[in-house]
Amino acid sequence: MITPDQALVLPDLTDNRNVPLSFSDFATGVESRLVKRYASRSDRAVRNPTPTEGEYSYLLDENIFEYYTGAAWASTVVTPYSSIQTLSGSVASVTFSSIPSTLRTLIFRWIVRGDAAVINQLINIRVNGDASNNYFWNETNVTNVTTGNTVGNGTSSGSIGHMMAGSAGAGQFAIGTVTFIGWDAPHAKLNYRFEYYAFDTVANSFHGSGGGLYNVAGPYTSVTFLPAAGNFVTTSQFTAVSEVI
């Protein structure tokens, strides 16, 4: 007998008596409908090489649920992600690593300052540690009352704006955000947008916005922040959060 909804095989009174086979047929039908747990993707590939369309699984190492589309495993429940780094000393770069590659949107907020001997300087990013010329970006910025535009076309890092630096007034930090859209790599490139504000004096205030792309297909698992020169100073802070849709 076949159940009318999920087509599970159940023994019928007219069937030959075979208790082991009846239990085996029922267990096989039920198992593909359970949320099965695996230590990792490689563990799942070995233990379940031929998944059933609509089947769910849970990966213990990544703390995520996925379902099988009939062609590939896809994320359906996005686990929120958050991380914060506050500097206790000067560093040349800050890296967020082991970021889940299943996040749809990833947002960083920062309040930072550099130590190069200038009033302001660029703050840049790299994805997956890639320092090749794979970054394209455009920034519209306002310095006091003067509007300008800066473009990067195939550079070794992507700009996300300006921050205060060593020649700015003591204690003056810049704030900003950068948002990666499509972090889960549905496209062949990773897009991002940013906005920032940096204030030293009325005559030396900087704000702007822009966007860009990382011209390499995913998966994406890390983001590195680095100043155009010098270091980030102590108490600079970076916060990462995922946007759950």
C-alpha atoms as a PDB file:
ATOM      1  CA  MET A   1       0.000   0.000   0.000  1.00  0.00           C
ATOM      2  CA  ILE A   2       1.190   3.525  -0.852  1.00  0.00           C
ATOM      3  CA  THR A   3       0.219   6.470   1.353  1.00  0.00           C
ATOM      4  CA  PRO A   4      -1.680   9.113  -0.678  1.00  0.00           C
ATOM      5  CA  ASP A   5       0.366  12.153   0.389  1.00  0.00           C
ATOM      6  CA  GLN A   6       4.058  11.229   0.581  1.00  0.00           C
ATOM      7  CA  ALA A   7       3.928   7.832  -1.173  1.00  0.00           C
ATOM      8  CA  LEU A   8       5.408   5.886   1.721  1.00  0.00           C
ATOM      9  CA  VAL A   9       5.345   2.105   1.299  1.00  0.00           C
ATOM     10  CA  LEU A  10       3.308   0.355   3.998  1.00  0.00           C
ATOM     11  CA  PRO A  11       2.501  -3.355   4.312  1.00  0.00           C
ATOM     12  CA  ASP A  12      -0.954  -4.435   3.245  1.00  0.00           C
ATOM     13  CA  LEU A  13      -2.990  -7.319   4.649  1.00  0.00           C
ATOM     14  CA  THR A  14      -2.791  -9.085   1.287  1.00  0.00           C
ATOM     15  CA  ASP A  15       1.044  -8.879   1.162  1.00  0.00           C
ATOM     16  CA  ASN A  16       3.220 -11.865   1.911  1.00  0.00           C
ATOM     17  CA  ARG A  17       4.440 -11.703   5.475  1.00  0.00           C
ATOM     18  CA  ASN A  18       7.930 -10.210   5.505  1.00  0.00           C
ATOM     19  CA  VAL A  19       8.466  -8.037   8.563  1.00  0.00           C
ATOM     20  CA  PRO A  20      12.130  -7.104   7.835  1.00  0.00           C
ATOM     21  CA  LEU A  21      11.275  -6.016   4.282  1.00  0.00           C
ATOM     22  CA  SER A  22       8.262  -4.020   5.467  1.00  0.00           C
ATOM     23  CA  PHE A  23      10.339  -2.149   8.034  1.00  0.00           C
ATOM     24  CA  SER A  24      13.130  -1.615   5.499  1.00  0.00           C
ATOM     25  CA  ASP A  25      10.760  -0.116   2.894  1.00  0.00           C
ATOM     26  CA  PHE A  26       9.188   2.192   5.469  1.00  0.00           C
ATOM     27  CA  ALA A  27      12.551   3.281   6.955  1.00  0.00           C
ATOM     28  CA  THR A  28      13.955   4.019   3.498  1.00  0.00           C
ATOM     29  CA  GLY A  29      10.964   6.177   2.654  1.00  0.00           C
ATOM     30  CA  VAL A  30      11.049   8.075   5.949  1.00  0.00           C
ATOM     31  CA  GLU A  31      14.814   8.624   6.103  1.00  0.00           C
ATOM     32  CA  SER A  32      14.939  10.893   3.035  1.00  0.00           C
ATOM     33  CA  ARG A  33      12.330  13.115   4.681  1.00  0.00           C
ATOM     34  CA  LEU A  34      14.232  13.575   7.941  1.00  0.00           C
ATOM     35  CA  VAL A  35      16.713  16.389   8.652  1.00  0.00           C
ATOM     36  CA  LYS A  36      19.903  14.344   8.677  1.00  0.00           C
ATOM     37  CA  ARG A  37      23.055  15.523  10.457  1.00  0.00           C
ATOM     38  CA  TYR A  38      26.562  15.401   9.005  1.00  0.00           C
ATOM     39  CA  ALA A  39      29.934  16.480  10.389  1.00  0.00           C
ATOM     40  CA  SER A  40      30.818  18.348   7.188  1.00  0.00           C
ATOM     41  CA  ARG A  41      30.137  18.591   3.461  1.00  0.00           C
ATOM     42  CA  SER A  42      32.719  15.898   2.772  1.00  0.00           C
ATOM     43  CA  ASP A  43      31.094  13.622   5.353  1.00  0.00           C
ATOM     44  CA  ARG A  44      27.717  14.170   3.660  1.00  0.00           C
ATOM     45  CA  ALA A  45      29.148  13.433   0.221  1.00  0.00           C
ATOM     46  CA  VAL A  46      30.523  10.100   1.418  1.00  0.00           C
ATOM     47  CA  ARG A  47      27.509   8.967   3.447  1.00  0.00           C
ATOM     48  CA  ASN A  48      24.834  10.306   1.097  1.00  0.00           C
ATOM     49  CA  PRO A  49      26.182  10.308  -2.489  1.00  0.00           C
ATOM     50  CA  THR A  50      22.718  10.231  -4.130  1.00  0.00           C
ATOM     51  CA  PRO A  51      20.395  12.579  -2.189  1.00  0.00           C
ATOM     52  CA  THR A  52      16.703  12.894  -2.964  1.00  0.00           C
ATOM     53  CA  GLU A  53      15.183  16.132  -4.254  1.00  0.00           C
ATOM     54  CA  GLY A  54      13.681  18.052  -1.326  1.00  0.00           C
ATOM     55  CA  GLU A  55      15.900  16.311   1.222  1.00  0.00           C
ATOM     56  CA  TYR A  56      17.209  18.402   4.151  1.00  0.00           C
ATOM     57  CA  SER A  57      20.520  18.160   5.966  1.00  0.00           C
ATOM     58  CA  TYR A  58      22.324  19.923   8.802  1.00  0.00           C
ATOM     59  CA  LEU A  59      26.093  20.547   8.722  1.00  0.00           C
ATOM     60  CA  LEU A  60      27.595  20.504  12.199  1.00  0.00           C
ATOM     61  CA  ASP A  61      30.825  22.342  11.322  1.00  0.00           C
ATOM     62  CA  GLU A  62      29.055  25.253   9.573  1.00  0.00           C
ATOM     63  CA  ASN A  63      25.914  25.286  11.739  1.00  0.00           C
ATOM     64  CA  ILE A  64      23.597  25.569   8.714  1.00  0.00           C
ATOM     65  CA  PHE A  65      20.638  23.771   7.152  1.00  0.00           C
ATOM     66  CA  GLU A  66      20.566  22.957   3.433  1.00  0.00           C
ATOM     67  CA  TYR A  67      18.146  21.248   1.072  1.00  0.00           C
ATOM     68  CA  TYR A  68      18.756  19.322  -2.147  1.00  0.00           C
ATOM     69  CA  THR A  69      17.275  20.938  -5.255  1.00  0.00           C
ATOM     70  CA  GLY A  70      17.663  17.843  -7.401  1.00  0.00           C
ATOM     71  CA  ALA A  71      20.945  19.182  -8.771  1.00  0.00           C
ATOM     72  CA  ALA A  72      22.808  20.728  -5.819  1.00  0.00           C
ATOM     73  CA  TRP A  73      22.626  21.492  -2.104  1.00  0.00           C
ATOM     74  CA  ALA A  74      21.269  24.981  -1.387  1.00  0.00           C
ATOM     75  CA  SER A  75      20.808  27.059   1.728  1.00  0.00           C
ATOM     76  CA  THR A  76      17.272  27.654   2.930  1.00  0.00           C
ATOM     77  CA  VAL A  77      17.782  28.738   6.530  1.00  0.00           C
ATOM     78  CA  VAL A  78      20.453  31.406   6.942  1.00  0.00           C
ATOM     79  CA  THR A  79      22.152  31.343  10.325  1.00  0.00           C
ATOM     80  CA  PRO A  80      22.882  34.902  11.540  1.00  0.00           C
ATOM     81  CA  TYR A  81      26.543  35.862  11.609  1.00  0.00           C
ATOM     82  CA  SER A  82      28.226  38.513  13.718  1.00  0.00           C
ATOM     83  CA  SER A  83      31.804  39.303  14.708  1.00  0.00           C
ATOM     84  CA  ILE A  84      33.645  42.276  16.161  1.00  0.00           C
ATOM     85  CA  GLN A  85      37.323  43.220  16.305  1.00  0.00           C
ATOM     86  CA  THR A  86      38.593  46.061  18.516  1.00  0.00           C
ATOM     87  CA  LEU A  87      42.297  46.765  18.138  1.00  0.00           C
ATOM     88  CA  SER A  88      44.484  46.741  21.225  1.00  0.00           C
ATOM     89  CA  GLY A  89      47.476  47.986  19.217  1.00  0.00           C
ATOM     90  CA  SER A  90      48.466  49.226  15.762  1.00  0.00           C
ATOM     91  CA  VAL A  91      48.129  46.683  12.955  1.00  0.00           C
ATOM     92  CA  ALA A  92      48.740  46.752   9.200  1.00  0.00           C
ATOM     93  CA  SER A  93      45.493  44.910   8.385  1.00  0.00           C
ATOM     94  CA  VAL A  94      42.387  43.352   9.924  1.00  0.00           C
ATOM     95  CA  THR A  95      40.946  40.098   8.577  1.00  0.00           C
ATOM     96  CA  PHE A  96      37.600  38.445   9.180  1.00  0.00           C
ATOM     97  CA  SER A  97      38.098  34.806   8.207  1.00  0.00           C
ATOM     98  CA  SER A  98      35.918  31.673   8.082  1.00  0.00           C
ATOM     99  CA  ILE A  99      32.856  33.765   7.197  1.00  0.00           C
ATOM    100  CA  PRO A 100      30.017  31.420   6.151  1.00  0.00           C
ATOM    101  CA  SER A 101      29.765  31.394   2.373  1.00  0.00           C
ATOM    102  CA  THR A 102      25.985  30.968   2.570  1.00  0.00           C
ATOM    103  CA  LEU A 103      25.190  34.504   3.756  1.00  0.00           C
ATOM    104  CA  ARG A 104      23.148  36.532   1.290  1.00  0.00           C
ATOM    105  CA  THR A 105      24.173  39.980   2.526  1.00  0.00           C
ATOM    106  CA  LEU A 106      27.171  40.828   4.710  1.00  0.00           C
ATOM    107  CA  ILE A 107      27.575  44.248   6.362  1.00  0.00           C
ATOM    108  CA  PHE A 108      30.650  45.761   8.010  1.00  0.00           C
ATOM    109  CA  ARG A 109      30.583  48.891  10.167  1.00  0.00           C
ATOM    110  CA  TRP A 110      33.823  50.569  11.147  1.00  0.00           C
ATOM    111  CA  ILE A 111      35.188  53.395  13.254  1.00  0.00           C
ATOM    112  CA  VAL A 112      38.884  53.688  12.460  1.00  0.00           C
ATOM    113  CA  ARG A 113      41.957  55.874  12.173  1.00  0.00           C
ATOM    114  CA  GLY A 114      45.324  55.394  10.481  1.00  0.00           C
ATOM    115  CA  ASP A 115      48.789  56.508  11.502  1.00  0.00           C
ATOM    116  CA  ALA A 116      50.242  57.690   8.162  1.00  0.00           C
ATOM    117  CA  ALA A 117      51.481  61.305   8.222  1.00  0.00           C
ATOM    118  CA  VAL A 118      48.472  62.771   6.379  1.00  0.00           C
ATOM    119  CA  ILE A 119      45.096  64.165   7.453  1.00  0.00           C
ATOM    120  CA  ASN A 120      43.108  61.481   5.652  1.00  0.00           C
ATOM    121  CA  GLN A 121      43.825  58.365   3.660  1.00  0.00           C
ATOM    122  CA  LEU A 122      42.005  55.602   1.814  1.00  0.00           C
ATOM    123  CA  ILE A 123      40.788  52.472   3.563  1.00  0.00           C
ATOM    124  CA  ASN A 124      40.741  49.411   1.316  1.00  0.00           C
ATOM    125  CA  ILE A 125      39.432  45.842   1.257  1.00  0.00           C
ATOM    126  CA  ARG A 126      40.474  42.485  -0.138  1.00  0.00           C
ATOM    127  CA  VAL A 127      38.270  39.416  -0.525  1.00  0.00           C
ATOM    128  CA  ASN A 128      39.665  35.930   0.119  1.00  0.00           C
ATOM    129  CA  GLY A 129      43.100  37.525   0.578  1.00  0.00           C
ATOM    130  CA  ASP A 130      43.316  38.223  -3.156  1.00  0.00           C
ATOM    131  CA  ALA A 131      45.848  40.955  -4.005  1.00  0.00           C
ATOM    132  CA  SER A 132      45.493  40.558  -7.789  1.00  0.00           C
ATOM    133  CA  ASN A 133      44.050  43.313  -9.983  1.00  0.00           C
ATOM    134  CA  ASN A 134      40.466  42.104  -9.627  1.00  0.00           C
ATOM    135  CA  TYR A 135      38.815  45.130  -7.984  1.00  0.00           C
ATOM    136  CA  PHE A 136      36.742  47.788  -9.749  1.00  0.00           C
ATOM    137  CA  TRP A 137      35.176  50.677  -7.835  1.00  0.00           C
ATOM    138  CA  ASN A 138      33.864  54.221  -8.040  1.00  0.00           C
ATOM    139  CA  GLU A 139      33.627  56.810  -5.254  1.00  0.00           C
ATOM    140  CA  THR A 140      31.936  60.205  -5.132  1.00  0.00           C
ATOM    141  CA  ASN A 141      33.432  62.281  -2.335  1.00  0.00           C
ATOM    142  CA  VAL A 142      33.003  65.734  -0.845  1.00  0.00           C
ATOM    143  CA  THR A 143      35.933  67.503   0.836  1.00  0.00           C
ATOM    144  CA  ASN A 144      34.414  70.387   2.771  1.00  0.00           C
ATOM    145  CA  VAL A 145      32.471  71.863  -0.192  1.00  0.00           C
ATOM    146  CA  THR A 146      34.445  70.422  -3.123  1.00  0.00           C
ATOM    147  CA  THR A 147      32.989  67.387  -4.886  1.00  0.00           C
ATOM    148  CA  GLY A 148      35.274  64.881  -6.544  1.00  0.00           C
ATOM    149  CA  ASN A 149      35.233  61.426  -8.048  1.00  0.00           C
ATOM    150  CA  THR A 150      37.760  58.607  -7.693  1.00  0.00           C
ATOM    151  CA  VAL A 151      37.796  55.468  -9.821  1.00  0.00           C
ATOM    152  CA  GLY A 152      39.631  52.179  -9.483  1.00  0.00           C
ATOM    153  CA  ASN A 153      39.841  50.032 -12.608  1.00  0.00           C
ATOM    154  CA  GLY A 154      41.508  46.688 -12.016  1.00  0.00           C
ATOM    155  CA  THR A 155      43.342  47.453  -8.764  1.00  0.00           C
ATOM    156  CA  SER A 156      44.899  45.160  -6.145  1.00  0.00           C
ATOM    157  CA  SER A 157      42.304  46.167  -3.529  1.00  0.00           C
ATOM    158  CA  GLY A 158      38.935  47.873  -3.460  1.00  0.00           C
ATOM    159  CA  SER A 159      38.425  51.279  -1.862  1.00  0.00           C
ATOM    160  CA  ILE A 160      35.641  51.813   0.669  1.00  0.00           C
ATOM    161  CA  GLY A 161      36.319  55.484   1.397  1.00  0.00           C
ATOM    162  CA  HIS A 162      38.572  57.651   3.547  1.00  0.00           C
ATOM    163  CA  MET A 163      39.573  57.662   7.208  1.00  0.00           C
ATOM    164  CA  MET A 164      41.368  60.143   9.423  1.00  0.00           C
ATOM    165  CA  ALA A 165      45.112  59.622   9.756  1.00  0.00           C
ATOM    166  CA  GLY A 166      48.163  60.710  11.763  1.00  0.00           C
ATOM    167  CA  SER A 167      48.051  64.440  10.945  1.00  0.00           C
ATOM    168  CA  ALA A 168      44.393  64.823  11.899  1.00  0.00           C
ATOM    169  CA  GLY A 169      43.359  66.138  15.295  1.00  0.00           C
ATOM    170  CA  ALA A 170      43.876  63.821  18.234  1.00  0.00           C
ATOM    171  CA  GLY A 171      41.023  61.396  18.788  1.00  0.00           C
ATOM    172  CA  GLN A 172      39.421  62.040  15.382  1.00  0.00           C
ATOM    173  CA  PHE A 173      38.158  58.759  13.893  1.00  0.00           C
ATOM    174  CA  ALA A 174      36.195  58.066  10.709  1.00  0.00           C
ATOM    175  CA  ILE A 175      33.035  55.983  10.517  1.00  0.00           C
ATOM    176  CA  GLY A 176      31.570  54.027   7.654  1.00  0.00           C
ATOM    177  CA  THR A 177      29.826  50.937   6.344  1.00  0.00           C
ATOM    178  CA  VAL A 178      30.428  48.540   3.502  1.00  0.00           C
ATOM    179  CA  THR A 179      27.780  46.061   2.365  1.00  0.00           C
ATOM    180  CA  PHE A 180      28.453  42.977   0.257  1.00  0.00           C
ATOM    181  CA  ILE A 181      25.399  41.892  -1.706  1.00  0.00           C
ATOM    182  CA  GLY A 182      25.357  38.351  -3.053  1.00  0.00           C
ATOM    183  CA  TRP A 183      27.939  36.992  -0.616  1.00  0.00           C
ATOM    184  CA  ASP A 184      26.475  33.516  -1.223  1.00  0.00           C
ATOM    185  CA  ALA A 185      27.867  33.756  -4.776  1.00  0.00           C
ATOM    186  CA  PRO A 186      24.763  33.496  -6.967  1.00  0.00           C
ATOM    187  CA  HIS A 187      26.603  35.540  -9.598  1.00  0.00           C
ATOM    188  CA  ALA A 188      30.064  35.437 -11.144  1.00  0.00           C
ATOM    189  CA  LYS A 189      31.131  38.613  -9.309  1.00  0.00           C
ATOM    190  CA  LEU A 190      30.719  40.061  -5.818  1.00  0.00           C
ATOM    191  CA  ASN A 191      29.176  43.532  -5.588  1.00  0.00           C
ATOM    192  CA  TYR A 192      29.560  45.969  -2.709  1.00  0.00           C
ATOM    193  CA  ARG A 193      28.490  49.471  -1.738  1.00  0.00           C
ATOM    194  CA  PHE A 194      29.919  51.819   0.899  1.00  0.00           C
ATOM    195  CA  GLU A 195      29.416  55.094   2.713  1.00  0.00           C
ATOM    196  CA  TYR A 196      31.720  56.961   5.095  1.00  0.00           C
ATOM    197  CA  TYR A 197      32.209  60.187   7.040  1.00  0.00           C
ATOM    198  CA  ALA A 198      35.495  61.573   8.357  1.00  0.00           C
ATOM    199  CA  PHE A 199      35.771  64.848  10.287  1.00  0.00           C
ATOM    200  CA  ASP A 200      38.870  66.733  11.450  1.00  0.00           C
ATOM    201  CA  THR A 201      37.810  70.373  11.184  1.00  0.00           C
ATOM    202  CA  VAL A 202      35.131  72.125   9.167  1.00  0.00           C
ATOM    203  CA  ALA A 203      37.761  72.771   6.503  1.00  0.00           C
ATOM    204  CA  ASN A 204      38.944  69.177   6.660  1.00  0.00           C
ATOM    205  CA  SER A 205      35.762  67.116   6.582  1.00  0.00           C
ATOM    206  CA  PHE A 206      35.272  64.264   4.165  1.00  0.00           C
ATOM    207  CA  HIS A 207      32.276  62.190   3.284  1.00  0.00           C
ATOM    208  CA  GLY A 208      31.266  60.113   0.339  1.00  0.00           C
ATOM    209  CA  SER A 209      29.752  56.946  -1.025  1.00  0.00           C
ATOM    210  CA  GLY A 210      30.271  54.534  -3.842  1.00  0.00           C
ATOM    211  CA  GLY A 211      30.425  50.938  -4.852  1.00  0.00           C
ATOM    212  CA  GLY A 212      32.366  48.354  -6.710  1.00  0.00           C
ATOM    213  CA  LEU A 213      32.861  44.719  -7.451  1.00  0.00           C
ATOM    214  CA  TYR A 214      35.306  41.896  -6.920  1.00  0.00           C
ATOM    215  CA  ASN A 215      35.702  40.312 -10.331  1.00  0.00           C
ATOM    216  CA  VAL A 216      36.094  36.698  -9.167  1.00  0.00           C
ATOM    217  CA  ALA A 217      33.449  34.033  -8.646  1.00  0.00           C
ATOM    218  CA  GLY A 218      32.786  32.639  -5.181  1.00  0.00           C
ATOM    219  CA  PRO A 219      32.689  31.047  -2.732  1.00  0.00           C
ATOM    220  CA  TYR A 220      33.764  33.954  -0.513  1.00  0.00           C
ATOM    221  CA  THR A 221      34.986  33.323   3.020  1.00  0.00           C
ATOM    222  CA  SER A 222      37.106  36.268   4.204  1.00  0.00           C
ATOM    223  CA  VAL A 223      37.439  40.061   4.078  1.00  0.00           C
ATOM    224  CA  THR A 224      40.612  41.995   4.887  1.00  0.00           C
ATOM    225  CA  PHE A 225      40.714  45.722   5.696  1.00  0.00           C
ATOM    226  CA  LEU A 226      43.938  47.640   5.132  1.00  0.00           C
ATOM    227  CA  PRO A 227      44.976  51.292   4.986  1.00  0.00           C
ATOM    228  CA  ALA A 228      46.566  52.731   1.852  1.00  0.00           C
ATOM    229  CA  ALA A 229      49.718  53.273   3.951  1.00  0.00           C
ATOM    230  CA  GLY A 230      50.804  52.694   7.526  1.00  0.00           C
ATOM    231  CA  ASN A 231      48.612  51.000  10.123  1.00  0.00           C
ATOM    232  CA  PHE A 232      45.268  51.134  11.837  1.00  0.00           C
ATOM    233  CA  VAL A 233      45.696  52.595  15.314  1.00  0.00           C
ATOM    234  CA  THR A 234      44.628  51.153  18.656  1.00  0.00           C
ATOM    235  CA  THR A 235      40.896  51.218  19.547  1.00  0.00           C
ATOM    236  CA  SER A 236      39.891  51.144  15.865  1.00  0.00           C
ATOM    237  CA  GLN A 237      36.911  48.835  15.632  1.00  0.00           C
ATOM    238  CA  PHE A 238      35.300  46.698  12.923  1.00  0.00           C
ATOM    239  CA  THR A 239      31.931  44.970  13.266  1.00  0.00           C
ATOM    240  CA  ALA A 240      30.456  42.393  10.885  1.00  0.00           C
ATOM    241  CA  VAL A 241      26.818  41.277  10.761  1.00  0.00           C
ATOM    242  CA  SER A 242      24.728  39.330   8.296  1.00  0.00           C
ATOM    243  CA  GLU A 243      21.403  40.554   7.024  1.00  0.00           C
ATOM    244  CA  VAL A 244      18.855  37.774   7.333  1.00  0.00           C
ATOM    245  CA  ILE A 245      16.061  38.012   4.763  1.00  0.00           C
END
